[in-house]
Each structure stands twice: as C-alpha cells, then as structure tokens.
PDB file of all heavy atoms in Angstrom:
ATOM      1  N   SER A   1      -2.622  13.982  -7.960  1.00  0.00           N
ATOM      2  CA  SER A   1      -1.782  14.219  -6.781  1.00  0.00           C
ATOM      3  C   SER A   1      -2.583  14.863  -5.655  1.00  0.00           C
ATOM      4  O   SER A   1      -2.394  14.541  -4.478  1.00  0.00           O
ATOM      5  CB  SER A   1      -0.584  15.098  -7.148  1.00  0.00           C
ATOM      6  OG  SER A   1      -1.003  16.342  -7.667  1.00  0.00           O
ATOM      7  N   SER A   2      -3.495  15.765  -6.008  1.00  0.00           N
ATOM      8  CA  SER A   2      -4.356  16.390  -4.998  1.00  0.00           C
ATOM      9  C   SER A   2      -5.266  15.345  -4.357  1.00  0.00           C
ATOM     10  O   SER A   2      -5.468  15.337  -3.140  1.00  0.00           O
ATOM     11  CB  SER A   2      -5.196  17.493  -5.649  1.00  0.00           C
ATOM     12  OG  SER A   2      -6.162  17.995  -4.761  1.00  0.00           O
ATOM     13  N   PHE A   3      -5.793  14.447  -5.173  1.00  0.00           N
ATOM     14  CA  PHE A   3      -6.625  13.368  -4.656  1.00  0.00           C
ATOM     15  C   PHE A   3      -5.816  12.462  -3.733  1.00  0.00           C
ATOM     16  O   PHE A   3      -6.331  11.961  -2.733  1.00  0.00           O
ATOM     17  CB  PHE A   3      -7.192  12.575  -5.825  1.00  0.00           C
ATOM     18  CG  PHE A   3      -8.052  11.412  -5.420  1.00  0.00           C
ATOM     19  CD1 PHE A   3      -9.226  11.599  -4.733  1.00  0.00           C
ATOM     20  CD2 PHE A   3      -7.676  10.109  -5.748  1.00  0.00           C
ATOM     21  CE1 PHE A   3     -10.022  10.527  -4.366  1.00  0.00           C
ATOM     22  CE2 PHE A   3      -8.463   9.033  -5.383  1.00  0.00           C
ATOM     23  CZ  PHE A   3      -9.641   9.242  -4.693  1.00  0.00           C
ATOM     24  N   GLY A   4      -4.533  12.256  -4.063  1.00  0.00           N
ATOM     25  CA  GLY A   4      -3.672  11.430  -3.226  1.00  0.00           C
ATOM     26  C   GLY A   4      -3.564  11.965  -1.820  1.00  0.00           C
ATOM     27  O   GLY A   4      -3.677  11.218  -0.833  1.00  0.00           O
ATOM     28  N   LEU A   5      -3.346  13.277  -1.696  1.00  0.00           N
ATOM     29  CA  LEU A   5      -3.252  13.887  -0.367  1.00  0.00           C
ATOM     30  C   LEU A   5      -4.568  13.740   0.380  1.00  0.00           C
ATOM     31  O   LEU A   5      -4.591  13.435   1.583  1.00  0.00           O
ATOM     32  CB  LEU A   5      -2.877  15.365  -0.510  1.00  0.00           C
ATOM     33  CG  LEU A   5      -2.761  16.170   0.791  1.00  0.00           C
ATOM     34  CD1 LEU A   5      -1.760  15.533   1.746  1.00  0.00           C
ATOM     35  CD2 LEU A   5      -2.369  17.612   0.480  1.00  0.00           C
ATOM     36  N   SER A   6      -5.673  13.932  -0.318  1.00  0.00           N
ATOM     37  CA  SER A   6      -6.993  13.803   0.315  1.00  0.00           C
ATOM     38  C   SER A   6      -7.218  12.393   0.850  1.00  0.00           C
ATOM     39  O   SER A   6      -7.746  12.216   1.956  1.00  0.00           O
ATOM     40  CB  SER A   6      -8.100  14.143  -0.690  1.00  0.00           C
ATOM     41  OG  SER A   6      -7.950  15.442  -1.205  1.00  0.00           O
ATOM     42  N   THR A   7      -6.804  11.387   0.079  1.00  0.00           N
ATOM     43  CA  THR A   7      -7.038  10.008   0.506  1.00  0.00           C
ATOM     44  C   THR A   7      -6.124   9.594   1.654  1.00  0.00           C
ATOM     45  O   THR A   7      -6.530   8.814   2.513  1.00  0.00           O
ATOM     46  CB  THR A   7      -6.842   9.035  -0.671  1.00  0.00           C
ATOM     47  OG1 THR A   7      -5.580   9.290  -1.306  1.00  0.00           O
ATOM     48  CG2 THR A   7      -7.934   9.189  -1.696  1.00  0.00           C
ATOM     49  N   VAL A   8      -4.898  10.102   1.674  1.00  0.00           N
ATOM     50  CA  VAL A   8      -4.005   9.813   2.803  1.00  0.00           C
ATOM     51  C   VAL A   8      -4.633  10.334   4.097  1.00  0.00           C
ATOM     52  O   VAL A   8      -4.649   9.649   5.132  1.00  0.00           O
ATOM     53  CB  VAL A   8      -2.613  10.438   2.582  1.00  0.00           C
ATOM     54  CG1 VAL A   8      -1.792  10.380   3.867  1.00  0.00           C
ATOM     55  CG2 VAL A   8      -1.877   9.714   1.467  1.00  0.00           C
ATOM     56  N   ILE A   9      -5.159  11.546   4.028  1.00  0.00           N
ATOM     57  CA  ILE A   9      -5.834  12.124   5.196  1.00  0.00           C
ATOM     58  C   ILE A   9      -7.027  11.259   5.598  1.00  0.00           C
ATOM     59  O   ILE A   9      -7.246  10.989   6.785  1.00  0.00           O
ATOM     60  CB  ILE A   9      -6.293  13.564   4.879  1.00  0.00           C
ATOM     61  CG1 ILE A   9      -5.081  14.473   4.670  1.00  0.00           C
ATOM     62  CG2 ILE A   9      -7.182  14.111   5.998  1.00  0.00           C
ATOM     63  CD1 ILE A   9      -5.423  15.841   4.130  1.00  0.00           C
ATOM     64  N   ALA A  10      -7.787  10.804   4.605  1.00  0.00           N
ATOM     65  CA  ALA A  10      -8.967   9.979   4.887  1.00  0.00           C
ATOM     66  C   ALA A  10      -8.583   8.664   5.563  1.00  0.00           C
ATOM     67  O   ALA A  10      -9.272   8.203   6.483  1.00  0.00           O
ATOM     68  CB  ALA A  10      -9.731   9.703   3.588  1.00  0.00           C
ATOM     69  N   VAL A  11      -7.484   8.047   5.132  1.00  0.00           N
ATOM     70  CA  VAL A  11      -7.053   6.777   5.728  1.00  0.00           C
ATOM     71  C   VAL A  11      -6.593   6.981   7.171  1.00  0.00           C
ATOM     72  O   VAL A  11      -6.911   6.179   8.059  1.00  0.00           O
ATOM     73  CB  VAL A  11      -5.929   6.141   4.884  1.00  0.00           C
ATOM     74  CG1 VAL A  11      -5.331   4.946   5.611  1.00  0.00           C
ATOM     75  CG2 VAL A  11      -6.464   5.690   3.539  1.00  0.00           C
ATOM     76  N   VAL A  12      -5.844   8.046   7.410  1.00  0.00           N
ATOM     77  CA  VAL A  12      -5.386   8.333   8.780  1.00  0.00           C
ATOM     78  C   VAL A  12      -6.585   8.545   9.695  1.00  0.00           C
ATOM     79  O   VAL A  12      -6.639   8.016  10.819  1.00  0.00           O
ATOM     80  CB  VAL A  12      -4.463   9.574   8.787  1.00  0.00           C
ATOM     81  CG1 VAL A  12      -4.154   9.991  10.224  1.00  0.00           C
ATOM     82  CG2 VAL A  12      -3.174   9.284   8.034  1.00  0.00           C
ATOM     83  N   PHE A  13      -7.563   9.310   9.224  1.00  0.00           N
ATOM     84  CA  PHE A  13      -8.774   9.519  10.015  1.00  0.00           C
ATOM     85  C   PHE A  13      -9.533   8.206  10.207  1.00  0.00           C
ATOM     86  O   PHE A  13     -10.151   7.987  11.258  1.00  0.00           O
ATOM     87  CB  PHE A  13      -9.677  10.549   9.341  1.00  0.00           C
ATOM     88  CG  PHE A  13      -9.203  11.974   9.491  1.00  0.00           C
ATOM     89  CD1 PHE A  13      -9.576  12.947   8.583  1.00  0.00           C
ATOM     90  CD2 PHE A  13      -8.388  12.346  10.552  1.00  0.00           C
ATOM     91  CE1 PHE A  13      -9.157  14.260   8.716  1.00  0.00           C
ATOM     92  CE2 PHE A  13      -7.950  13.658  10.698  1.00  0.00           C
ATOM     93  CZ  PHE A  13      -8.337  14.616   9.769  1.00  0.00           C
ATOM     94  N   SER A  14      -9.514   7.332   9.203  1.00  0.00           N
ATOM     95  CA  SER A  14     -10.194   6.036   9.318  1.00  0.00           C
ATOM     96  C   SER A  14      -9.570   5.188  10.415  1.00  0.00           C
ATOM     97  O   SER A  14     -10.270   4.486  11.157  1.00  0.00           O
ATOM     98  CB  SER A  14     -10.143   5.291   7.979  1.00  0.00           C
ATOM     99  OG  SER A  14     -10.841   5.994   6.970  1.00  0.00           O
ATOM    100  N   LEU A  15      -8.234   5.237  10.524  1.00  0.00           N
ATOM    101  CA  LEU A  15      -7.549   4.519  11.606  1.00  0.00           C
ATOM    102  C   LEU A  15      -7.948   5.077  12.972  1.00  0.00           C
ATOM    103  O   LEU A  15      -8.205   4.327  13.915  1.00  0.00           O
ATOM    104  CB  LEU A  15      -6.037   4.618  11.418  1.00  0.00           C
ATOM    105  CG  LEU A  15      -5.404   3.721  10.354  1.00  0.00           C
ATOM    106  CD1 LEU A  15      -3.920   4.006  10.228  1.00  0.00           C
ATOM    107  CD2 LEU A  15      -5.633   2.259  10.693  1.00  0.00           C
ATOM    108  N   ILE A  16      -7.984   6.408  13.051  1.00  0.00           N
ATOM    109  CA  ILE A  16      -8.387   7.033  14.324  1.00  0.00           C
ATOM    110  C   ILE A  16      -9.822   6.639  14.656  1.00  0.00           C
ATOM    111  O   ILE A  16     -10.156   6.342  15.818  1.00  0.00           O
ATOM    112  CB  ILE A  16      -8.257   8.566  14.223  1.00  0.00           C
ATOM    113  CG1 ILE A  16      -6.783   8.955  14.048  1.00  0.00           C
ATOM    114  CG2 ILE A  16      -8.839   9.245  15.459  1.00  0.00           C
ATOM    115  CD1 ILE A  16      -6.558  10.428  13.783  1.00  0.00           C
ATOM    116  N   GLY A  17     -10.682   6.619  13.641  1.00  0.00           N
ATOM    117  CA  GLY A  17     -12.064   6.229  13.879  1.00  0.00           C
ATOM    118  C   GLY A  17     -12.194   4.807  14.391  1.00  0.00           C
ATOM    119  O   GLY A  17     -12.994   4.528  15.281  1.00  0.00           O
ATOM    120  N   ALA A  18     -11.367   3.889  13.833  1.00  0.00           N
ATOM    121  CA  ALA A  18     -11.446   2.482  14.234  1.00  0.00           C
ATOM    122  C   ALA A  18     -10.857   2.250  15.616  1.00  0.00           C
ATOM    123  O   ALA A  18     -11.385   1.447  16.401  1.00  0.00           O
ATOM    124  CB  ALA A  18     -10.725   1.617  13.202  1.00  0.00           C
ATOM    125  N   ILE A  19      -9.749   2.930  15.928  1.00  0.00           N
ATOM    126  CA  ILE A  19      -9.008   2.654  17.167  1.00  0.00           C
ATOM    127  C   ILE A  19      -9.473   3.518  18.337  1.00  0.00           C
ATOM    128  O   ILE A  19      -9.362   3.116  19.500  1.00  0.00           O
ATOM    129  CB  ILE A  19      -7.496   2.852  16.920  1.00  0.00           C
ATOM    130  CG1 ILE A  19      -7.006   1.786  15.930  1.00  0.00           C
ATOM    131  CG2 ILE A  19      -6.700   2.791  18.199  1.00  0.00           C
ATOM    132  CD1 ILE A  19      -5.592   2.006  15.457  1.00  0.00           C
ATOM    133  N   VAL A  20     -10.017   4.697  18.038  1.00  0.00           N
ATOM    134  CA  VAL A  20     -10.423   5.606  19.111  1.00  0.00           C
ATOM    135  C   VAL A  20     -11.947   5.710  19.221  1.00  0.00           C
ATOM    136  O   VAL A  20     -12.507   5.529  20.310  1.00  0.00           O
ATOM    137  CB  VAL A  20      -9.806   7.011  18.890  1.00  0.00           C
ATOM    138  CG1 VAL A  20     -10.284   7.976  19.976  1.00  0.00           C
ATOM    139  CG2 VAL A  20      -8.287   6.937  18.881  1.00  0.00           C
ATOM    140  N   ILE A  21     -12.615   6.018  18.121  1.00  0.00           N
ATOM    141  CA  ILE A  21     -14.057   6.260  18.187  1.00  0.00           C
ATOM    142  C   ILE A  21     -14.848   4.962  18.377  1.00  0.00           C
ATOM    143  O   ILE A  21     -15.799   4.918  19.158  1.00  0.00           O
ATOM    144  CB  ILE A  21     -14.550   6.991  16.918  1.00  0.00           C
ATOM    145  CG1 ILE A  21     -13.710   8.241  16.670  1.00  0.00           C
ATOM    146  CG2 ILE A  21     -16.024   7.371  17.062  1.00  0.00           C
ATOM    147  CD1 ILE A  21     -13.683   9.208  17.823  1.00  0.00           C
ATOM    148  N   MET A  22     -14.442   3.883  17.689  1.00  0.00           N
ATOM    149  CA  MET A  22     -15.173   2.615  17.826  1.00  0.00           C
ATOM    150  C   MET A  22     -15.184   2.105  19.269  1.00  0.00           C
ATOM    151  O   MET A  22     -16.247   1.687  19.766  1.00  0.00           O
ATOM    152  CB  MET A  22     -14.587   1.557  16.889  1.00  0.00           C
ATOM    153  CG  MET A  22     -15.237   1.494  15.519  1.00  0.00           C
ATOM    154  SD  MET A  22     -17.014   1.157  15.552  1.00  0.00           S
ATOM    155  CE  MET A  22     -17.038  -0.589  15.912  1.00  0.00           C
ATOM    156  N   PRO A  23     -14.051   2.087  19.996  1.00  0.00           N
ATOM    157  CA  PRO A  23     -14.103   1.662  21.403  1.00  0.00           C
ATOM    158  C   PRO A  23     -15.059   2.512  22.241  1.00  0.00           C
ATOM    159  O   PRO A  23     -15.760   1.986  23.123  1.00  0.00           O
ATOM    160  CB  PRO A  23     -12.654   1.826  21.871  1.00  0.00           C
ATOM    161  CG  PRO A  23     -11.839   1.677  20.632  1.00  0.00           C
ATOM    162  CD  PRO A  23     -12.666   2.301  19.556  1.00  0.00           C
ATOM    163  N   ALA A  24     -15.097   3.831  21.962  1.00  0.00           N
ATOM    164  CA  ALA A  24     -16.007   4.703  22.711  1.00  0.00           C
ATOM    165  C   ALA A  24     -17.457   4.333  22.427  1.00  0.00           C
ATOM    166  O   ALA A  24     -18.292   4.251  23.344  1.00  0.00           O
ATOM    167  CB  ALA A  24     -15.746   6.160  22.343  1.00  0.00           C
ATOM    168  N   VAL A  25     -17.775   4.087  21.170  1.00  0.00           N
ATOM    169  CA  VAL A  25     -19.150   3.731  20.793  1.00  0.00           C
ATOM    170  C   VAL A  25     -19.525   2.370  21.380  1.00  0.00           C
ATOM    171  O   VAL A  25     -20.628   2.195  21.916  1.00  0.00           O
ATOM    172  CB  VAL A  25     -19.294   3.704  19.257  1.00  0.00           C
ATOM    173  CG1 VAL A  25     -20.681   3.207  18.858  1.00  0.00           C
ATOM    174  CG2 VAL A  25     -19.049   5.085  18.667  1.00  0.00           C
ATOM    175  N   LEU A  26     -18.602   1.390  21.291  1.00  0.00           N
ATOM    176  CA  LEU A  26     -18.874   0.062  21.846  1.00  0.00           C
ATOM    177  C   LEU A  26     -19.045   0.112  23.361  1.00  0.00           C
ATOM    178  O   LEU A  26     -19.826  -0.663  23.935  1.00  0.00           O
ATOM    179  CB  LEU A  26     -17.743  -0.902  21.466  1.00  0.00           C
ATOM    180  CG  LEU A  26     -17.640  -1.252  19.974  1.00  0.00           C
ATOM    181  CD1 LEU A  26     -16.377  -2.051  19.704  1.00  0.00           C
ATOM    182  CD2 LEU A  26     -18.875  -2.036  19.514  1.00  0.00           C
TER     183      LEU A  26
END
C-alpha cells in the first residue's frame, strides 16, 4: 500500500513532466 501511494505520485509527476517540462525543453 505504501508503494501504491509512491507510484501514484510518480505517475502524476510523469504527466507533469510530459505536458509541462517537455514543451519547455523542446
């Protein structure tokens, strides 16, 4: 269950990275 919370956070950050950080880098 602890790992579950960690992975949910990781996925949300992954979305932010793809939608926000990637456009900035490109």
